[in-house]
Amino acid sequence: MLLSVDTYPFLERFPVETALHMIKEAGFDAFDFTLCDAPPERDLLEGDYRTRAAQVRRIADGIGIPCNQAHAPYDFTFEDTLELSNRNYLRLVRSIEVASILGAKNLIIHAVKNNCPPHVDLFGFNTAFYKSFLPYCEQFGVHISVENLYIHHANDTYTAALGSPREHIEFVRGLGSDWFNICVDTGHASLTGYEPEDMISAMDADILQALHIHDNDYLSDQHLFPYAGGMNWDAITAALGKIGYRGDFTFEILGYLRKADDALLAPALEFAEKIGRCMMEKIQKEKRI
């Protein structure tokens, strides 16, 4: 199990090389490369994207830190089409290729969920959406992780985009290919009425292959480091151990890291690394019980 952190709060401020050096020096084993909302000079999905992605891979290899997973853009809407002539779809296909160049084994691609027209079947639309990527998964050797997401309603409440944990599992299994797996986002689970440990416990190690680990107050998607919000992290690590989780332990703590001053970012990251090591040890102990 590798300890990883997403690059989002670093690429906002620093060149890729600086960002990856910071992650490595803080003690992390790997990085989750964010392909969404990147500044133009660090957008790997435009222009000569293959060359730019290969350059990032060379930098990472030189530093000695691998890319364990990546996160695709989430701009695709119900009005877009599943054609390479559609810019939003093209960028998703390029994300699969870029993830392959970076060496990522999983790419998180969000389901299409916001502003669903009344005549559109959300599950049917997303089934076709994900299945359209299967040829590219096979071509580039990258698995797609389907993350549990929320729909934020006007009255400031949240519901799960793909339903209950069981429905989420059934949706991914219904895609009919081992190229698709699940990424559990702990923060999204808590906002939609499901304790992260219960969502994890409903799964097995074959389908749950990626994580987005962060905390919140159960009221908003804060992306805090564990123990800064209201989640029961002993229960979460126990659940991961009990199902024999074999994937990596990836932080998505941008809400915490983005608030840190440049001078405090490195020590903040080092503190997060210590939390991650402690939690991974708890998972391993549970596996041995």
Protein backbone atom coordinates (compact mmCIF):
# COMPACT_ATOMS: atom_id res chain seq x y z
CA MET A 1 0.00 0.00 0.00
CA LEU A 2 1.42 3.36 -1.06
CA LEU A 3 0.75 6.63 0.77
CA SER A 4 -0.26 9.23 -1.80
CA VAL A 5 -1.56 12.80 -1.96
CA ASP A 6 -3.26 14.72 -4.74
CA THR A 7 -1.32 17.46 -6.51
CA TYR A 8 -4.16 20.01 -6.75
CA PRO A 9 -3.09 22.38 -3.94
CA PHE A 10 0.52 22.34 -5.17
CA LEU A 11 0.05 22.86 -8.91
CA GLU A 12 -2.00 25.97 -8.17
CA ARG A 13 1.15 27.59 -6.77
CA PHE A 14 4.24 25.82 -8.04
CA PRO A 15 5.78 24.24 -11.15
CA VAL A 16 5.39 20.47 -11.36
CA GLU A 17 8.99 19.77 -10.35
CA THR A 18 8.69 21.86 -7.18
CA ALA A 19 5.38 20.24 -6.30
CA LEU A 20 6.66 16.69 -6.70
CA HIS A 21 9.83 17.47 -4.75
CA MET A 22 7.70 18.75 -1.86
CA ILE A 23 5.55 15.60 -1.85
CA LYS A 24 8.61 13.35 -1.97
CA GLU A 25 10.51 15.26 0.72
CA ALA A 26 7.48 15.13 3.04
CA GLY A 27 7.76 11.34 2.93
CA PHE A 28 4.94 10.37 0.60
CA ASP A 29 5.36 7.30 -1.60
CA ALA A 30 3.36 8.50 -4.61
CA PHE A 31 1.19 11.27 -6.01
CA ASP A 32 -2.34 11.51 -7.41
CA PHE A 33 -2.05 13.82 -10.42
CA THR A 34 -4.92 16.26 -10.84
CA LEU A 35 -5.79 16.82 -14.50
CA CYS A 36 -8.74 19.10 -13.72
CA ASP A 37 -8.71 22.86 -13.13
CA ALA A 38 -5.02 23.13 -13.99
CA PRO A 39 -3.42 26.51 -14.80
CA PRO A 40 -2.89 26.74 -18.59
CA GLU A 41 0.87 26.34 -18.28
CA ARG A 42 0.34 23.05 -16.40
CA ASP A 43 -2.62 21.67 -18.36
CA LEU A 44 -1.46 18.31 -19.72
CA LEU A 45 -4.53 17.82 -21.93
CA GLU A 46 -3.98 20.59 -24.48
CA GLY A 47 -1.44 21.28 -27.21
CA ASP A 48 1.38 18.78 -27.47
CA TYR A 49 -0.05 16.90 -24.51
CA ARG A 50 1.92 13.69 -25.01
CA THR A 51 5.24 15.55 -24.85
CA ARG A 52 4.15 17.51 -21.80
CA ALA A 53 2.96 14.38 -20.01
CA ALA A 54 6.20 12.57 -20.85
CA GLN A 55 8.14 15.48 -19.39
CA VAL A 56 6.21 15.20 -16.10
CA ARG A 57 6.91 11.46 -16.08
CA ARG A 58 10.65 12.12 -16.52
CA ILE A 59 10.59 14.62 -13.66
CA ALA A 60 8.77 12.16 -11.39
CA ASP A 61 11.12 9.32 -12.31
CA GLY A 62 14.12 11.56 -11.65
CA ILE A 63 12.77 12.48 -8.21
CA GLY A 64 11.88 8.87 -7.52
CA ILE A 65 8.16 9.23 -6.88
CA PRO A 66 5.51 7.39 -8.95
CA CYS A 67 2.04 8.50 -10.01
CA ASN A 68 -0.34 5.94 -8.51
CA GLN A 69 -3.58 7.49 -9.79
CA ALA A 70 -4.93 10.53 -11.57
CA HIS A 71 -8.12 12.59 -11.63
CA ALA A 72 -9.83 13.50 -14.90
CA PRO A 73 -11.68 16.78 -15.56
CA TYR A 74 -15.37 16.83 -14.65
CA ASP A 75 -16.68 19.34 -17.20
CA PHE A 76 -18.71 16.82 -19.23
CA THR A 77 -22.44 17.64 -19.21
CA PHE A 78 -25.66 16.02 -20.38
CA GLU A 79 -25.49 18.24 -23.46
CA ASP A 80 -22.09 16.89 -24.54
CA THR A 81 -21.68 13.95 -26.90
CA LEU A 82 -19.56 10.80 -26.70
CA GLU A 83 -17.49 11.82 -29.71
CA LEU A 84 -13.88 12.91 -30.05
CA SER A 85 -15.09 16.01 -31.86
CA ASN A 86 -16.60 17.11 -28.54
CA ARG A 87 -13.91 18.96 -26.56
CA ASN A 88 -15.03 17.80 -23.12
CA TYR A 89 -15.13 14.17 -24.25
CA LEU A 90 -11.78 14.47 -26.04
CA ARG A 91 -10.17 15.74 -22.85
CA LEU A 92 -11.48 12.72 -20.95
CA VAL A 93 -10.05 10.33 -23.54
CA ARG A 94 -6.77 12.20 -23.41
CA SER A 95 -6.87 11.86 -19.61
CA ILE A 96 -6.75 8.09 -19.99
CA GLU A 97 -3.76 8.34 -22.30
CA VAL A 98 -1.98 10.85 -20.08
CA ALA A 99 -2.63 8.70 -17.00
CA SER A 100 -0.93 5.86 -18.88
CA ILE A 101 2.07 8.03 -19.74
CA LEU A 102 2.35 9.11 -16.09
CA GLY A 103 2.18 5.47 -14.97
CA ALA A 104 -1.11 5.71 -13.06
CA LYS A 105 -2.98 2.45 -12.61
CA ASN A 106 -6.33 4.15 -11.89
CA LEU A 107 -8.01 7.25 -13.30
CA ILE A 108 -10.94 8.75 -11.43
CA ILE A 109 -13.65 9.90 -13.85
CA HIS A 110 -16.74 11.49 -12.33
CA ALA A 111 -20.19 10.37 -13.34
CA VAL A 112 -22.27 13.03 -15.10
CA LYS A 113 -24.71 14.22 -12.46
CA ASN A 114 -25.48 17.93 -12.35
CA ASN A 115 -28.62 19.42 -13.92
CA CYS A 116 -29.92 16.11 -15.21
CA PRO A 117 -32.87 16.79 -17.56
CA PRO A 118 -36.16 15.19 -16.43
CA HIS A 119 -36.32 12.97 -19.52
CA VAL A 120 -32.80 11.56 -19.01
CA ASP A 121 -32.18 8.36 -17.03
CA LEU A 122 -29.14 9.17 -14.88
CA PHE A 123 -28.03 5.56 -14.56
CA GLY A 124 -28.60 4.76 -18.23
CA PHE A 125 -26.75 7.85 -19.40
CA ASN A 126 -23.76 7.12 -17.18
CA THR A 127 -23.69 3.46 -18.18
CA ALA A 128 -23.22 4.50 -21.81
CA PHE A 129 -20.78 7.22 -20.71
CA TYR A 130 -18.44 4.86 -18.88
CA LYS A 131 -18.72 2.01 -21.38
CA SER A 132 -17.59 4.37 -24.15
CA PHE A 133 -14.15 4.53 -22.48
CA LEU A 134 -13.58 0.78 -22.48
CA PRO A 135 -11.61 0.68 -25.77
CA TYR A 136 -9.30 3.39 -24.43
CA CYS A 137 -8.81 1.57 -21.12
CA GLU A 138 -7.76 -1.51 -23.06
CA GLN A 139 -5.53 0.50 -25.40
CA PHE A 140 -3.70 2.41 -22.68
CA GLY A 141 -3.88 -0.08 -19.80
CA VAL A 142 -5.57 2.25 -17.31
CA HIS A 143 -8.50 1.34 -15.04
CA ILE A 144 -11.31 3.81 -14.43
CA SER A 145 -12.40 4.37 -10.83
CA VAL A 146 -16.02 5.40 -10.35
CA GLU A 147 -16.15 7.70 -7.34
CA ASN A 148 -19.13 8.07 -5.02
CA LEU A 149 -20.45 11.59 -5.63
CA TYR A 150 -23.09 13.89 -4.21
CA ILE A 151 -25.74 16.10 -5.77
CA HIS A 152 -25.94 19.43 -3.95
CA HIS A 153 -29.54 20.66 -3.81
CA ALA A 154 -30.83 24.22 -3.58
CA ASN A 155 -31.93 23.74 0.04
CA ASP A 156 -28.30 22.94 0.92
CA THR A 157 -28.88 19.21 1.30
CA TYR A 158 -26.99 16.40 -0.42
CA THR A 159 -27.98 13.11 -2.00
CA ALA A 160 -25.81 10.37 -3.47
CA ALA A 161 -25.47 10.63 -7.24
CA LEU A 162 -25.43 6.88 -7.86
CA GLY A 163 -27.57 5.92 -4.89
CA SER A 164 -26.76 3.76 -1.89
CA PRO A 165 -23.47 1.88 -1.54
CA ARG A 166 -25.20 -1.25 -2.83
CA GLU A 167 -26.58 0.62 -5.86
CA HIS A 168 -23.16 2.10 -6.51
CA ILE A 169 -21.62 -1.37 -6.51
CA GLU A 170 -24.36 -2.72 -8.77
CA PHE A 171 -23.80 0.16 -11.18
CA VAL A 172 -20.06 -0.52 -11.48
CA ARG A 173 -20.53 -4.28 -11.74
CA GLY A 174 -23.17 -3.62 -14.39
CA LEU A 175 -20.52 -2.04 -16.60
CA GLY A 176 -19.39 -5.62 -17.17
CA SER A 177 -15.64 -5.17 -17.18
CA ASP A 178 -12.74 -5.44 -14.74
CA TRP A 179 -11.40 -2.19 -16.21
CA PHE A 180 -13.87 -0.40 -13.90
CA ASN A 181 -13.57 -0.24 -10.13
CA ILE A 182 -14.64 2.00 -7.26
CA CYS A 183 -12.96 4.91 -5.51
CA VAL A 184 -14.53 5.64 -2.11
CA ASP A 185 -14.41 9.31 -1.22
CA THR A 186 -14.88 9.52 2.54
CA GLY A 187 -16.06 13.14 2.48
CA HIS A 188 -18.70 12.49 -0.16
CA ALA A 189 -19.99 9.48 1.77
CA SER A 190 -20.56 11.46 4.95
CA LEU A 191 -22.43 14.23 3.16
CA THR A 192 -24.88 11.80 1.59
CA GLY A 193 -25.92 10.05 4.79
CA TYR A 194 -23.55 7.09 4.67
CA GLU A 195 -20.77 6.62 7.16
CA PRO A 196 -17.56 5.94 5.19
CA GLU A 197 -16.93 2.76 7.19
CA ASP A 198 -20.37 1.43 6.22
CA MET A 199 -19.78 2.17 2.55
CA ILE A 200 -16.40 0.44 2.69
CA SER A 201 -17.81 -2.55 4.57
CA ALA A 202 -20.39 -3.09 1.80
CA MET A 203 -17.57 -3.67 -0.70
CA ASP A 204 -14.82 -6.19 -1.28
CA ALA A 205 -11.18 -5.76 -2.21
CA ASP A 206 -11.81 -6.67 -5.83
CA ILE A 207 -14.08 -3.71 -6.55
CA LEU A 208 -12.72 -1.11 -4.09
CA GLN A 209 -9.33 -0.22 -5.52
CA ALA A 210 -8.85 3.50 -4.82
CA LEU A 211 -9.51 6.04 -2.08
CA HIS A 212 -9.93 9.76 -1.58
CA ILE A 213 -9.28 10.25 2.12
CA HIS A 214 -10.38 13.47 3.81
CA ASP A 215 -12.54 14.71 6.69
CA ASN A 216 -15.39 17.19 7.12
CA ASP A 217 -18.09 18.37 9.54
CA TYR A 218 -20.87 16.44 7.73
CA LEU A 219 -22.22 19.77 6.48
CA SER A 220 -19.92 20.68 3.56
CA ASP A 221 -17.15 19.18 1.43
CA GLN A 222 -14.24 20.68 3.36
CA HIS A 223 -11.40 18.30 2.38
CA LEU A 224 -9.70 18.46 5.78
CA PHE A 225 -7.06 16.08 7.05
CA PRO A 226 -8.32 13.12 9.12
CA TYR A 227 -9.24 13.87 12.74
CA ALA A 228 -9.99 17.53 11.91
CA GLY A 229 -13.68 16.83 11.30
CA GLY A 230 -16.30 14.45 12.62
CA MET A 231 -15.52 11.07 11.08
CA ASN A 232 -14.68 7.93 13.03
CA TRP A 233 -11.26 7.11 11.60
CA ASP A 234 -10.72 4.03 13.77
CA ALA A 235 -13.91 2.59 12.27
CA ILE A 236 -12.82 3.57 8.75
CA THR A 237 -9.36 2.00 9.02
CA ALA A 238 -10.88 -1.09 10.64
CA ALA A 239 -13.33 -1.45 7.75
CA LEU A 240 -10.50 -1.20 5.20
CA GLY A 241 -8.53 -3.84 7.06
CA LYS A 242 -11.48 -6.20 7.42
CA ILE A 243 -12.24 -6.26 3.68
CA GLY A 244 -8.55 -6.81 2.95
CA TYR A 245 -8.17 -3.56 1.03
CA ARG A 246 -5.24 -3.85 -1.39
CA GLY A 247 -5.19 -0.42 -3.00
CA ASP A 248 -3.28 2.71 -2.06
CA PHE A 249 -4.05 5.24 0.68
CA THR A 250 -4.56 8.57 -1.07
CA PHE A 251 -5.23 11.87 0.64
CA GLU A 252 -7.38 14.51 -1.06
CA ILE A 253 -6.87 17.20 1.58
CA LEU A 254 -6.83 20.28 -0.61
CA GLY A 255 -9.08 22.23 1.77
CA TYR A 256 -6.42 21.87 4.46
CA LEU A 257 -3.35 22.42 2.31
CA ARG A 258 -4.72 25.32 0.25
CA LYS A 259 -5.09 27.40 3.42
CA ALA A 260 -1.47 26.96 4.43
CA ASP A 261 0.93 29.80 3.75
CA ASP A 262 3.76 28.90 1.35
CA ALA A 263 6.18 28.81 4.27
CA LEU A 264 3.88 26.41 6.18
CA LEU A 265 2.96 24.10 3.33
CA ALA A 266 5.94 21.76 3.73
CA PRO A 267 5.44 21.19 7.50
CA ALA A 268 1.69 20.86 6.96
CA LEU A 269 2.36 18.16 4.39
CA GLU A 270 4.82 16.42 6.73
CA PHE A 271 2.15 16.36 9.44
CA ALA A 272 -0.33 14.84 6.98
CA GLU A 273 2.23 12.17 6.08
CA LYS A 274 2.54 11.18 9.75
CA ILE A 275 -1.24 10.88 10.01
CA GLY A 276 -1.28 8.70 6.90
CA ARG A 277 1.40 6.34 8.22
CA CYS A 278 -0.47 5.94 11.50
CA MET A 279 -3.71 5.12 9.69
CA MET A 280 -2.04 2.66 7.31
CA GLU A 281 -0.57 0.82 10.29
CA LYS A 282 -4.05 0.53 11.79
CA ILE A 283 -5.30 -0.99 8.52
CA GLN A 284 -2.47 -3.51 8.50
CA LYS A 285 -3.07 -4.47 12.15
CA GLU A 286 -6.73 -5.11 11.39
CA LYS A 287 -5.71 -7.39 8.50
CA ARG A 288 -3.61 -9.46 10.90
CA ILE A 289 -6.36 -9.94 13.49
